[in-house]
């Protein structure tokens, strides 16, 4: 039986609330679970202590028994200092889209033009002074 430590959704429509549970991986997301390990309320501020609450000892117990945390739960465990931080690489997800890249290029071109325009008047009086002498 493969075990997962995952989120089970509760709460009403547009008001999510999650329980952190240890469950058999074959069970439905909101279905049967073995033990409730904590809660997660994404509507609270990120620095709120009430946002993520979990029984760390029980999480470590289930992980010692072979339970695998899902990606979201693994991030919560890393933030709590329970597991070491892992390096994730998803380069295609992180790159901006085509239109965003075009906007960045346009902005860089405008900034370069503005810098040249600002530098040109400063050089002209110096050139005129040199010509007058």
Foldseek 3Di string as FASTA:
>chain_A
DAKEFEWAWDDDPPFTKTWGFIADPVADRNDDTDDTFWIAGVVDDPPDPNRTDGDLVVVVVVVVVPYYYDPVVVVVCCVVVNDPDDDDDDPVVPDDDPVVVVVVVVVVVVVVVVVVVVVVVVVVVVVVVVVVD
